[in-house]
PDB file of N, CA and C in Angstrom:
ATOM      1  N   MET A   1      -9.007 -12.282  15.088  1.00  0.00           N
ATOM      2  CA  MET A   1      -9.251 -11.754  13.773  1.00  0.00           C
ATOM      3  C   MET A   1      -7.916 -11.379  13.140  1.00  0.00           C
ATOM      4  N   ASN A   2      -7.725 -11.761  11.887  1.00  0.00           N
ATOM      5  CA  ASN A   2      -6.533 -11.381  11.140  1.00  0.00           C
ATOM      6  C   ASN A   2      -6.881 -10.263  10.173  1.00  0.00           C
ATOM      7  N   LEU A   3      -6.191  -9.163  10.298  1.00  0.00           N
ATOM      8  CA  LEU A   3      -6.399  -8.015   9.424  1.00  0.00           C
ATOM      9  C   LEU A   3      -5.188  -7.831   8.530  1.00  0.00           C
ATOM     10  N   VAL A   4      -5.394  -7.210   7.372  1.00  0.00           N
ATOM     11  CA  VAL A   4      -4.310  -6.895   6.446  1.00  0.00           C
ATOM     12  C   VAL A   4      -4.359  -5.403   6.171  1.00  0.00           C
ATOM     13  N   ASP A   5      -3.244  -4.728   6.413  1.00  0.00           N
ATOM     14  CA  ASP A   5      -3.122  -3.309   6.076  1.00  0.00           C
ATOM     15  C   ASP A   5      -2.619  -3.257   4.636  1.00  0.00           C
ATOM     16  N   ILE A   6      -3.431  -2.724   3.731  1.00  0.00           N
ATOM     17  CA  ILE A   6      -3.102  -2.802   2.301  1.00  0.00           C
ATOM     18  C   ILE A   6      -2.409  -1.569   1.748  1.00  0.00           C
ATOM     19  N   GLY A   7      -2.041  -0.616   2.585  1.00  0.00           N
ATOM     20  CA  GLY A   7      -1.403   0.578   2.040  1.00  0.00           C
ATOM     21  C   GLY A   7      -0.591   1.345   3.054  1.00  0.00           C
ATOM     22  N   ALA A   8       0.333   0.684   3.712  1.00  0.00           N
ATOM     23  CA  ALA A   8       1.144   1.351   4.733  1.00  0.00           C
ATOM     24  C   ALA A   8       2.390   1.966   4.101  1.00  0.00           C
ATOM     25  N   ASN A   9       2.655   3.191   4.434  1.00  0.00           N
ATOM     26  CA  ASN A   9       3.841   3.890   3.921  1.00  0.00           C
ATOM     27  C   ASN A   9       4.923   3.882   4.994  1.00  0.00           C
ATOM     28  N   LEU A  10       5.288   2.684   5.464  1.00  0.00           N
ATOM     29  CA  LEU A  10       6.216   2.550   6.580  1.00  0.00           C
ATOM     30  C   LEU A  10       7.650   2.939   6.244  1.00  0.00           C
ATOM     31  N   SER A  11       7.949   3.130   4.976  1.00  0.00           N
ATOM     32  CA  SER A  11       9.307   3.555   4.623  1.00  0.00           C
ATOM     33  C   SER A  11       9.451   5.083   4.687  1.00  0.00           C
ATOM     34  N   HIS A  12       8.370   5.776   5.018  1.00  0.00           N
ATOM     35  CA  HIS A  12       8.417   7.233   5.128  1.00  0.00           C
ATOM     36  C   HIS A  12       9.300   7.645   6.310  1.00  0.00           C
ATOM     37  N   GLU A  13       9.979   8.756   6.169  1.00  0.00           N
ATOM     38  CA  GLU A  13      10.918   9.233   7.194  1.00  0.00           C
ATOM     39  C   GLU A  13      10.269   9.458   8.557  1.00  0.00           C
ATOM     40  N   SER A  14       8.972   9.656   8.616  1.00  0.00           N
ATOM     41  CA  SER A  14       8.311   9.896   9.903  1.00  0.00           C
ATOM     42  C   SER A  14       8.301   8.653  10.796  1.00  0.00           C
ATOM     43  N   PHE A  15       8.604   7.481  10.234  1.00  0.00           N
ATOM     44  CA  PHE A  15       8.617   6.252  11.018  1.00  0.00           C
ATOM     45  C   PHE A  15      10.025   5.812  11.429  1.00  0.00           C
ATOM     46  N   VAL A  16      11.032   6.606  11.144  1.00  0.00           N
ATOM     47  CA  VAL A  16      12.419   6.219  11.427  1.00  0.00           C
ATOM     48  C   VAL A  16      12.622   5.894  12.901  1.00  0.00           C
ATOM     49  N   ASP A  17      12.077   6.706  13.774  1.00  0.00           N
ATOM     50  CA  ASP A  17      12.336   6.537  15.203  1.00  0.00           C
ATOM     51  C   ASP A  17      11.418   5.546  15.906  1.00  0.00           C
ATOM     52  N   ASP A  18      10.270   5.234  15.319  1.00  0.00           N
ATOM     53  CA  ASP A  18       9.321   4.385  16.040  1.00  0.00           C
ATOM     54  C   ASP A  18       8.704   3.274  15.184  1.00  0.00           C
ATOM     55  N   LEU A  19       9.397   2.846  14.151  1.00  0.00           N
ATOM     56  CA  LEU A  19       8.867   1.814  13.266  1.00  0.00           C
ATOM     57  C   LEU A  19       8.532   0.535  14.030  1.00  0.00           C
ATOM     58  N   ASP A  20       9.420   0.094  14.910  1.00  0.00           N
ATOM     59  CA  ASP A  20       9.166  -1.137  15.654  1.00  0.00           C
ATOM     60  C   ASP A  20       7.909  -1.032  16.506  1.00  0.00           C
ATOM     61  N   GLU A  21       7.710   0.132  17.139  1.00  0.00           N
ATOM     62  CA  GLU A  21       6.516   0.320  17.964  1.00  0.00           C
ATOM     63  C   GLU A  21       5.255   0.338  17.113  1.00  0.00           C
ATOM     64  N   VAL A  22       5.327   0.963  15.936  1.00  0.00           N
ATOM     65  CA  VAL A  22       4.173   1.027  15.038  1.00  0.00           C
ATOM     66  C   VAL A  22       3.783  -0.378  14.584  1.00  0.00           C
ATOM     67  N   VAL A  23       4.765  -1.172  14.178  1.00  0.00           N
ATOM     68  CA  VAL A  23       4.486  -2.533  13.726  1.00  0.00           C
ATOM     69  C   VAL A  23       3.964  -3.380  14.884  1.00  0.00           C
ATOM     70  N   SER A  24       4.551  -3.246  16.061  1.00  0.00           N
ATOM     71  CA  SER A  24       4.083  -4.000  17.230  1.00  0.00           C
ATOM     72  C   SER A  24       2.645  -3.638  17.590  1.00  0.00           C
ATOM     73  N   ALA A  25       2.316  -2.347  17.517  1.00  0.00           N
ATOM     74  CA  ALA A  25       0.951  -1.906  17.821  1.00  0.00           C
ATOM     75  C   ALA A  25      -0.038  -2.469  16.796  1.00  0.00           C
ATOM     76  N   ALA A  26       0.375  -2.507  15.535  1.00  0.00           N
ATOM     77  CA  ALA A  26      -0.491  -3.077  14.501  1.00  0.00           C
ATOM     78  C   ALA A  26      -0.720  -4.566  14.765  1.00  0.00           C
ATOM     79  N   GLN A  27       0.333  -5.287  15.109  1.00  0.00           N
ATOM     80  CA  GLN A  27       0.191  -6.714  15.400  1.00  0.00           C
ATOM     81  C   GLN A  27      -0.706  -6.932  16.612  1.00  0.00           C
ATOM     82  N   ALA A  28      -0.545  -6.116  17.631  1.00  0.00           N
ATOM     83  CA  ALA A  28      -1.379  -6.227  18.830  1.00  0.00           C
ATOM     84  C   ALA A  28      -2.848  -5.961  18.512  1.00  0.00           C
ATOM     85  N   ALA A  29      -3.106  -5.153  17.491  1.00  0.00           N
ATOM     86  CA  ALA A  29      -4.477  -4.842  17.089  1.00  0.00           C
ATOM     87  C   ALA A  29      -5.064  -5.890  16.144  1.00  0.00           C
ATOM     88  N   GLY A  30      -4.270  -6.902  15.790  1.00  0.00           N
ATOM     89  CA  GLY A  30      -4.777  -7.971  14.940  1.00  0.00           C
ATOM     90  C   GLY A  30      -4.328  -7.929  13.498  1.00  0.00           C
ATOM     91  N   VAL A  31      -3.397  -7.032  13.167  1.00  0.00           N
ATOM     92  CA  VAL A  31      -2.885  -6.957  11.790  1.00  0.00           C
ATOM     93  C   VAL A  31      -1.852  -8.064  11.606  1.00  0.00           C
ATOM     94  N   SER A  32      -2.138  -8.976  10.676  1.00  0.00           N
ATOM     95  CA  SER A  32      -1.227 -10.103  10.445  1.00  0.00           C
ATOM     96  C   SER A  32      -0.285  -9.863   9.269  1.00  0.00           C
ATOM     97  N   HIS A  33      -0.675  -8.968   8.348  1.00  0.00           N
ATOM     98  CA  HIS A  33       0.151  -8.664   7.186  1.00  0.00           C
ATOM     99  C   HIS A  33       0.068  -7.169   6.906  1.00  0.00           C
ATOM    100  N   ILE A  34       1.198  -6.614   6.483  1.00  0.00           N
ATOM    101  CA  ILE A  34       1.258  -5.201   6.118  1.00  0.00           C
ATOM    102  C   ILE A  34       1.874  -5.105   4.727  1.00  0.00           C
ATOM    103  N   ILE A  35       1.157  -4.486   3.819  1.00  0.00           N
ATOM    104  CA  ILE A  35       1.684  -4.249   2.473  1.00  0.00           C
ATOM    105  C   ILE A  35       2.241  -2.832   2.466  1.00  0.00           C
ATOM    106  N   VAL A  36       3.554  -2.742   2.332  1.00  0.00           N
ATOM    107  CA  VAL A  36       4.235  -1.450   2.372  1.00  0.00           C
ATOM    108  C   VAL A  36       4.268  -0.879   0.960  1.00  0.00           C
ATOM    109  N   THR A  37       3.866   0.375   0.837  1.00  0.00           N
ATOM    110  CA  THR A  37       3.759   1.008  -0.471  1.00  0.00           C
ATOM    111  C   THR A  37       4.959   1.899  -0.770  1.00  0.00           C
ATOM    112  N   GLY A  38       5.168   2.148  -2.039  1.00  0.00           N
ATOM    113  CA  GLY A  38       6.171   3.086  -2.500  1.00  0.00           C
ATOM    114  C   GLY A  38       5.611   3.877  -3.664  1.00  0.00           C
ATOM    115  N   THR A  39       6.225   4.996  -3.963  1.00  0.00           N
ATOM    116  CA  THR A  39       5.728   5.849  -5.042  1.00  0.00           C
ATOM    117  C   THR A  39       6.740   6.067  -6.150  1.00  0.00           C
ATOM    118  N   ASP A  40       7.970   5.652  -5.930  1.00  0.00           N
ATOM    119  CA  ASP A  40       9.013   5.791  -6.937  1.00  0.00           C
ATOM    120  C   ASP A  40      10.067   4.722  -6.657  1.00  0.00           C
ATOM    121  N   GLN A  41      11.114   4.684  -7.456  1.00  0.00           N
ATOM    122  CA  GLN A  41      12.112   3.634  -7.297  1.00  0.00           C
ATOM    123  C   GLN A  41      12.743   3.653  -5.909  1.00  0.00           C
ATOM    124  N   ASN A  42      13.098   4.822  -5.411  1.00  0.00           N
ATOM    125  CA  ASN A  42      13.739   4.894  -4.093  1.00  0.00           C
ATOM    126  C   ASN A  42      12.817   4.408  -2.984  1.00  0.00           C
ATOM    127  N   SER A  43      11.561   4.859  -2.996  1.00  0.00           N
ATOM    128  CA  SER A  43      10.654   4.442  -1.935  1.00  0.00           C
ATOM    129  C   SER A  43      10.253   2.971  -2.092  1.00  0.00           C
ATOM    130  N   ASN A  44      10.218   2.467  -3.334  1.00  0.00           N
ATOM    131  CA  ASN A  44       9.964   1.038  -3.527  1.00  0.00           C
ATOM    132  C   ASN A  44      11.107   0.202  -2.968  1.00  0.00           C
ATOM    133  N   GLU A  45      12.334   0.633  -3.193  1.00  0.00           N
ATOM    134  CA  GLU A  45      13.490  -0.082  -2.647  1.00  0.00           C
ATOM    135  C   GLU A  45      13.491  -0.019  -1.120  1.00  0.00           C
ATOM    136  N   ALA A  46      13.129   1.128  -0.561  1.00  0.00           N
ATOM    137  CA  ALA A  46      13.040   1.257   0.895  1.00  0.00           C
ATOM    138  C   ALA A  46      11.958   0.328   1.437  1.00  0.00           C
ATOM    139  N   ALA A  47      10.835   0.246   0.743  1.00  0.00           N
ATOM    140  CA  ALA A  47       9.748  -0.644   1.169  1.00  0.00           C
ATOM    141  C   ALA A  47      10.204  -2.098   1.132  1.00  0.00           C
ATOM    142  N   MET A  48      10.908  -2.483   0.074  1.00  0.00           N
ATOM    143  CA  MET A  48      11.391  -3.857  -0.028  1.00  0.00           C
ATOM    144  C   MET A  48      12.404  -4.177   1.057  1.00  0.00           C
ATOM    145  N   SER A  49      13.183  -3.192   1.486  1.00  0.00           N
ATOM    146  CA  SER A  49      14.184  -3.451   2.525  1.00  0.00           C
ATOM    147  C   SER A  49      13.542  -3.750   3.874  1.00  0.00           C
ATOM    148  N   LEU A  50      12.273  -3.389   4.049  1.00  0.00           N
ATOM    149  CA  LEU A  50      11.561  -3.675   5.290  1.00  0.00           C
ATOM    150  C   LEU A  50      10.986  -5.084   5.321  1.00  0.00           C
ATOM    151  N   SER A  51      10.980  -5.748   4.192  1.00  0.00           N
ATOM    152  CA  SER A  51      10.349  -7.048   4.088  1.00  0.00           C
ATOM    153  C   SER A  51      11.143  -8.119   4.837  1.00  0.00           C
ATOM    154  N   PRO A  52      10.462  -8.887   5.703  1.00  0.00           N
ATOM    155  CA  PRO A  52      11.154  -9.953   6.430  1.00  0.00           C
ATOM    156  C   PRO A  52      11.281 -11.234   5.622  1.00  0.00           C
ATOM    157  N   VAL A  53      10.759 -11.264   4.407  1.00  0.00           N
ATOM    158  CA  VAL A  53      10.826 -12.460   3.580  1.00  0.00           C
ATOM    159  C   VAL A  53      11.783 -12.228   2.429  1.00  0.00           C
ATOM    160  N   SER A  54      12.146 -13.298   1.746  1.00  0.00           N
ATOM    161  CA  SER A  54      13.167 -13.197   0.712  1.00  0.00           C
ATOM    162  C   SER A  54      12.604 -12.855  -0.657  1.00  0.00           C
ATOM    163  N   TYR A  55      11.324 -12.574  -0.756  1.00  0.00           N
ATOM    164  CA  TYR A  55      10.741 -12.173  -2.036  1.00  0.00           C
ATOM    165  C   TYR A  55       9.717 -11.079  -1.784  1.00  0.00           C
ATOM    166  N   THR A  56       9.475 -10.307  -2.791  1.00  0.00           N
ATOM    167  CA  THR A  56       8.520  -9.213  -2.702  1.00  0.00           C
ATOM    168  C   THR A  56       7.724  -9.156  -3.991  1.00  0.00           C
ATOM    169  N   HIS A  57       6.437  -8.944  -3.876  1.00  0.00           N
ATOM    170  CA  HIS A  57       5.582  -8.802  -5.047  1.00  0.00           C
ATOM    171  C   HIS A  57       5.222  -7.325  -5.174  1.00  0.00           C
ATOM    172  N   LEU A  58       5.591  -6.734  -6.277  1.00  0.00           N
ATOM    173  CA  LEU A  58       5.291  -5.327  -6.521  1.00  0.00           C
ATOM    174  C   LEU A  58       4.315  -5.208  -7.679  1.00  0.00           C
ATOM    175  N   ARG A  59       3.400  -4.284  -7.551  1.00  0.00           N
ATOM    176  CA  ARG A  59       2.499  -3.996  -8.658  1.00  0.00           C
ATOM    177  C   ARG A  59       2.432  -2.475  -8.794  1.00  0.00           C
ATOM    178  N   ALA A  60       2.721  -2.008  -9.982  1.00  0.00           N
ATOM    179  CA  ALA A  60       2.691  -0.566 -10.244  1.00  0.00           C
ATOM    180  C   ALA A  60       1.324  -0.172 -10.772  1.00  0.00           C
ATOM    181  N   HIS A  61       0.824   0.920 -10.297  1.00  0.00           N
ATOM    182  CA  HIS A  61      -0.439   1.456 -10.780  1.00  0.00           C
ATOM    183  C   HIS A  61      -0.158   2.791 -11.447  1.00  0.00           C
ATOM    184  N   GLU A  62      -0.783   3.026 -12.578  1.00  0.00           N
ATOM    185  CA  GLU A  62      -0.597   4.308 -13.252  1.00  0.00           C
ATOM    186  C   GLU A  62      -1.195   5.414 -12.422  1.00  0.00           C
ATOM    187  N   THR A  63      -0.447   6.505 -12.300  1.00  0.00           N
ATOM    188  CA  THR A  63      -0.925   7.638 -11.532  1.00  0.00           C
ATOM    189  C   THR A  63      -0.932   8.906 -12.361  1.00  0.00           C
ATOM    190  N   GLY A  64      -0.674   8.785 -13.648  1.00  0.00           N
ATOM    191  CA  GLY A  64      -0.608   9.956 -14.491  1.00  0.00           C
ATOM    192  C   GLY A  64       0.781  10.584 -14.502  1.00  0.00           C
ATOM    193  N   ARG A  65       1.712   9.959 -13.795  1.00  0.00           N
ATOM    194  CA  ARG A  65       3.089  10.448 -13.769  1.00  0.00           C
ATOM    195  C   ARG A  65       3.969   9.435 -14.489  1.00  0.00           C
ATOM    196  N   ASN A  66       5.044   9.885 -15.019  1.00  0.00           N
ATOM    197  CA  ASN A  66       6.002   8.973 -15.628  1.00  0.00           C
ATOM    198  C   ASN A  66       6.916   8.444 -14.543  1.00  0.00           C
ATOM    199  N   LEU A  67       6.775   7.175 -14.223  1.00  0.00           N
ATOM    200  CA  LEU A  67       7.589   6.562 -13.164  1.00  0.00           C
ATOM    201  C   LEU A  67       8.659   5.696 -13.767  1.00  0.00           C
TER     202      LEU A  67
END
């Protein structure tokens, strides 16, 4: 079974020490794709830096804040 995680906040500081293990565990559980989320420019850039591909598709959703 191929699963897609549609809202992972893997750029959060809590994953600094174990990001590789978290991603490996997700893959072992059947997750084939992970969409990394961001909430502002800095976290979006951090999310894009995790991407193993040369392009990234971003979509902004209004949250009632000026981003």
